[in-house]
Amino acid sequence: MGLSSTVCRYHGFSACLVGISSWMTAHQLKLNPSKTELLVIPGDPSPAQDLVLSLNNSMISPSATARNLGETMDNQLSFSSHVANVTRSCRFLLYNIRRIRPFRDWTTATLFWQVYL
């Protein structure tokens, strides 16, 4: 894979990003470049991992993880970061339920467990 294919890939990604932004604008949506994450999942190590895109004078560089609809994906597709985030969230909820347990009866506490977990 030469330099010209990398340049073509960059222009393809940039055109796709501009197209997505245009579509969102046409449908009264806004693409926030500061919150946009770029996740590159290559089949093999390639120069595309160093890809940096620009949108509305804001640079979008690849990140190791990206969050979409509550799921955290990483560039190795190992889901270790997602499992860690879910574990941390559950541990925090259990801690909060444990703190309010003395002030609630058993059925209400059970309801909290069922709702939050």
C-alpha atoms as a PDB file:
ATOM      1  CA  MET A   1       0.000   0.000   0.000  1.00  0.00           C
ATOM      2  CA  GLY A   2       1.656   3.175  -1.175  1.00  0.00           C
ATOM      3  CA  LEU A   3       1.377   6.807  -0.316  1.00  0.00           C
ATOM      4  CA  SER A   4      -1.150   7.520  -3.079  1.00  0.00           C
ATOM      5  CA  SER A   5      -3.629   4.967  -1.700  1.00  0.00           C
ATOM      6  CA  THR A   6      -3.262   6.506   1.768  1.00  0.00           C
ATOM      7  CA  VAL A   7      -3.970   9.973   0.335  1.00  0.00           C
ATOM      8  CA  CYS A   8      -7.016   8.618  -1.535  1.00  0.00           C
ATOM      9  CA  ARG A   9      -8.255   6.977   1.654  1.00  0.00           C
ATOM     10  CA  TYR A  10      -7.821  10.266   3.557  1.00  0.00           C
ATOM     11  CA  HIS A  11      -9.809  12.214   0.942  1.00  0.00           C
ATOM     12  CA  GLY A  12     -12.491   9.505   0.981  1.00  0.00           C
ATOM     13  CA  PHE A  13     -12.860   9.746   4.757  1.00  0.00           C
ATOM     14  CA  SER A  14     -12.913  13.541   4.612  1.00  0.00           C
ATOM     15  CA  ALA A  15     -15.585  13.530   1.893  1.00  0.00           C
ATOM     16  CA  CYS A  16     -17.650  11.053   3.907  1.00  0.00           C
ATOM     17  CA  LEU A  17     -17.380  13.216   7.023  1.00  0.00           C
ATOM     18  CA  VAL A  18     -18.418  16.326   5.087  1.00  0.00           C
ATOM     19  CA  GLY A  19     -21.353  14.376   3.622  1.00  0.00           C
ATOM     20  CA  ILE A  20     -22.481  13.248   7.064  1.00  0.00           C
ATOM     21  CA  SER A  21     -22.243  16.818   8.346  1.00  0.00           C
ATOM     22  CA  SER A  22     -24.273  18.114   5.379  1.00  0.00           C
ATOM     23  CA  TRP A  23     -26.945  15.461   5.854  1.00  0.00           C
ATOM     24  CA  MET A  24     -27.206  16.266   9.564  1.00  0.00           C
ATOM     25  CA  THR A  25     -27.505  19.997   8.827  1.00  0.00           C
ATOM     26  CA  ALA A  26     -30.265  19.296   6.284  1.00  0.00           C
ATOM     27  CA  HIS A  27     -32.179  17.361   8.962  1.00  0.00           C
ATOM     28  CA  GLN A  28     -31.779  20.049  11.668  1.00  0.00           C
ATOM     29  CA  LEU A  29     -29.056  18.106  13.483  1.00  0.00           C
ATOM     30  CA  LYS A  30     -25.615  19.317  14.455  1.00  0.00           C
ATOM     31  CA  LEU A  31     -22.376  17.382  14.321  1.00  0.00           C
ATOM     32  CA  ASN A  32     -20.177  18.558  17.175  1.00  0.00           C
ATOM     33  CA  PRO A  33     -16.551  18.128  16.025  1.00  0.00           C
ATOM     34  CA  SER A  34     -15.231  18.453  19.579  1.00  0.00           C
ATOM     35  CA  LYS A  35     -17.255  15.386  20.631  1.00  0.00           C
ATOM     36  CA  THR A  36     -16.714  13.387  17.438  1.00  0.00           C
ATOM     37  CA  GLU A  37     -14.512  10.334  17.917  1.00  0.00           C
ATOM     38  CA  LEU A  38     -12.647   8.466  15.192  1.00  0.00           C
ATOM     39  CA  LEU A  39     -12.049   4.771  15.787  1.00  0.00           C
ATOM     40  CA  VAL A  40      -9.806   2.969  13.303  1.00  0.00           C
ATOM     41  CA  ILE A  41     -10.075  -0.830  13.345  1.00  0.00           C
ATOM     42  CA  PRO A  42      -7.512  -2.071  10.817  1.00  0.00           C
ATOM     43  CA  GLY A  43      -7.109  -5.650   9.679  1.00  0.00           C
ATOM     44  CA  ASP A  44      -3.354  -5.200   9.886  1.00  0.00           C
ATOM     45  CA  PRO A  45      -1.057  -2.385  11.013  1.00  0.00           C
ATOM     46  CA  SER A  46      -1.342   0.366   8.463  1.00  0.00           C
ATOM     47  CA  PRO A  47      -0.609   4.080   8.056  1.00  0.00           C
ATOM     48  CA  ALA A  48      -4.344   4.799   8.401  1.00  0.00           C
ATOM     49  CA  GLN A  49      -3.907   4.618  12.179  1.00  0.00           C
ATOM     50  CA  ASP A  50      -2.131   7.978  11.949  1.00  0.00           C
ATOM     51  CA  LEU A  51      -5.091   9.483  10.104  1.00  0.00           C
ATOM     52  CA  VAL A  52      -6.194  12.938  11.279  1.00  0.00           C
ATOM     53  CA  LEU A  53      -9.343  14.450   9.756  1.00  0.00           C
ATOM     54  CA  SER A  54     -10.543  18.029   9.932  1.00  0.00           C
ATOM     55  CA  LEU A  55     -14.121  19.238  10.144  1.00  0.00           C
ATOM     56  CA  ASN A  56     -15.066  22.899  10.546  1.00  0.00           C
ATOM     57  CA  ASN A  57     -11.476  23.829  11.469  1.00  0.00           C
ATOM     58  CA  SER A  58     -11.429  21.164  14.191  1.00  0.00           C
ATOM     59  CA  MET A  59      -9.014  18.237  14.074  1.00  0.00           C
ATOM     60  CA  ILE A  60     -10.371  14.723  14.646  1.00  0.00           C
ATOM     61  CA  SER A  61      -7.668  12.185  15.438  1.00  0.00           C
ATOM     62  CA  PRO A  62      -8.072   8.443  16.049  1.00  0.00           C
ATOM     63  CA  SER A  63      -8.656   7.350  19.611  1.00  0.00           C
ATOM     64  CA  ALA A  64      -8.087   4.000  21.294  1.00  0.00           C
ATOM     65  CA  THR A  65     -11.735   3.791  22.406  1.00  0.00           C
ATOM     66  CA  ALA A  66     -15.024   5.274  21.255  1.00  0.00           C
ATOM     67  CA  ARG A  67     -18.421   5.287  22.937  1.00  0.00           C
ATOM     68  CA  ASN A  68     -21.607   4.725  20.941  1.00  0.00           C
ATOM     69  CA  LEU A  69     -25.050   4.230  22.498  1.00  0.00           C
ATOM     70  CA  GLY A  70     -23.558   3.253  25.848  1.00  0.00           C
ATOM     71  CA  GLU A  71     -21.117   0.704  24.456  1.00  0.00           C
ATOM     72  CA  THR A  72     -17.397   1.373  24.602  1.00  0.00           C
ATOM     73  CA  MET A  73     -15.487  -0.137  21.690  1.00  0.00           C
ATOM     74  CA  ASP A  74     -11.727  -0.268  21.417  1.00  0.00           C
ATOM     75  CA  ASN A  75      -9.556  -0.506  18.336  1.00  0.00           C
ATOM     76  CA  GLN A  76      -8.653  -4.153  19.096  1.00  0.00           C
ATOM     77  CA  LEU A  77     -12.324  -5.201  19.533  1.00  0.00           C
ATOM     78  CA  SER A  78     -11.465  -6.843  22.861  1.00  0.00           C
ATOM     79  CA  PHE A  79     -14.341  -5.117  24.748  1.00  0.00           C
ATOM     80  CA  SER A  80     -12.102  -4.911  27.831  1.00  0.00           C
ATOM     81  CA  SER A  81     -12.796  -1.182  28.209  1.00  0.00           C
ATOM     82  CA  HIS A  82     -16.555  -1.813  27.888  1.00  0.00           C
ATOM     83  CA  VAL A  83     -16.462  -4.532  30.563  1.00  0.00           C
ATOM     84  CA  ALA A  84     -14.436  -2.241  32.842  1.00  0.00           C
ATOM     85  CA  ASN A  85     -16.942   0.624  32.387  1.00  0.00           C
ATOM     86  CA  VAL A  86     -19.965  -1.617  33.060  1.00  0.00           C
ATOM     87  CA  THR A  87     -18.266  -3.102  36.127  1.00  0.00           C
ATOM     88  CA  ARG A  88     -17.441   0.364  37.477  1.00  0.00           C
ATOM     89  CA  SER A  89     -21.024   1.541  36.913  1.00  0.00           C
ATOM     90  CA  CYS A  90     -22.552  -1.520  38.628  1.00  0.00           C
ATOM     91  CA  ARG A  91     -20.168  -1.226  41.557  1.00  0.00           C
ATOM     92  CA  PHE A  92     -21.143   2.440  42.000  1.00  0.00           C
ATOM     93  CA  LEU A  93     -24.880   1.603  41.880  1.00  0.00           C
ATOM     94  CA  LEU A  94     -24.480  -1.215  44.407  1.00  0.00           C
ATOM     95  CA  TYR A  95     -22.562   1.140  46.688  1.00  0.00           C
ATOM     96  CA  ASN A  96     -25.380   3.701  46.532  1.00  0.00           C
ATOM     97  CA  ILE A  97     -28.051   1.063  47.160  1.00  0.00           C
ATOM     98  CA  ARG A  98     -26.063  -0.186  50.158  1.00  0.00           C
ATOM     99  CA  ARG A  99     -25.926   3.358  51.557  1.00  0.00           C
ATOM    100  CA  ILE A 100     -29.716   3.866  51.411  1.00  0.00           C
ATOM    101  CA  ARG A 101     -30.643   0.293  52.445  1.00  0.00           C
ATOM    102  CA  PRO A 102     -30.953   1.064  56.201  1.00  0.00           C
ATOM    103  CA  PHE A 103     -33.568   3.727  55.412  1.00  0.00           C
ATOM    104  CA  ARG A 104     -35.819   1.524  53.231  1.00  0.00           C
ATOM    105  CA  ASP A 105     -37.779  -1.651  53.839  1.00  0.00           C
ATOM    106  CA  TRP A 106     -36.767  -4.903  52.151  1.00  0.00           C
ATOM    107  CA  THR A 107     -39.285  -4.703  49.276  1.00  0.00           C
ATOM    108  CA  THR A 108     -38.251  -1.164  48.355  1.00  0.00           C
ATOM    109  CA  ALA A 109     -34.572  -2.102  48.475  1.00  0.00           C
ATOM    110  CA  THR A 110     -35.287  -5.121  46.257  1.00  0.00           C
ATOM    111  CA  LEU A 111     -37.071  -2.815  43.839  1.00  0.00           C
ATOM    112  CA  PHE A 112     -33.979  -0.580  43.706  1.00  0.00           C
ATOM    113  CA  TRP A 113     -31.794  -3.598  42.904  1.00  0.00           C
ATOM    114  CA  GLN A 114     -34.115  -4.701  40.113  1.00  0.00           C
ATOM    115  CA  VAL A 115     -34.416  -1.237  38.600  1.00  0.00           C
ATOM    116  CA  TYR A 116     -30.754  -0.300  38.676  1.00  0.00           C
ATOM    117  CA  LEU A 117     -29.247  -3.667  37.805  1.00  0.00           C
END
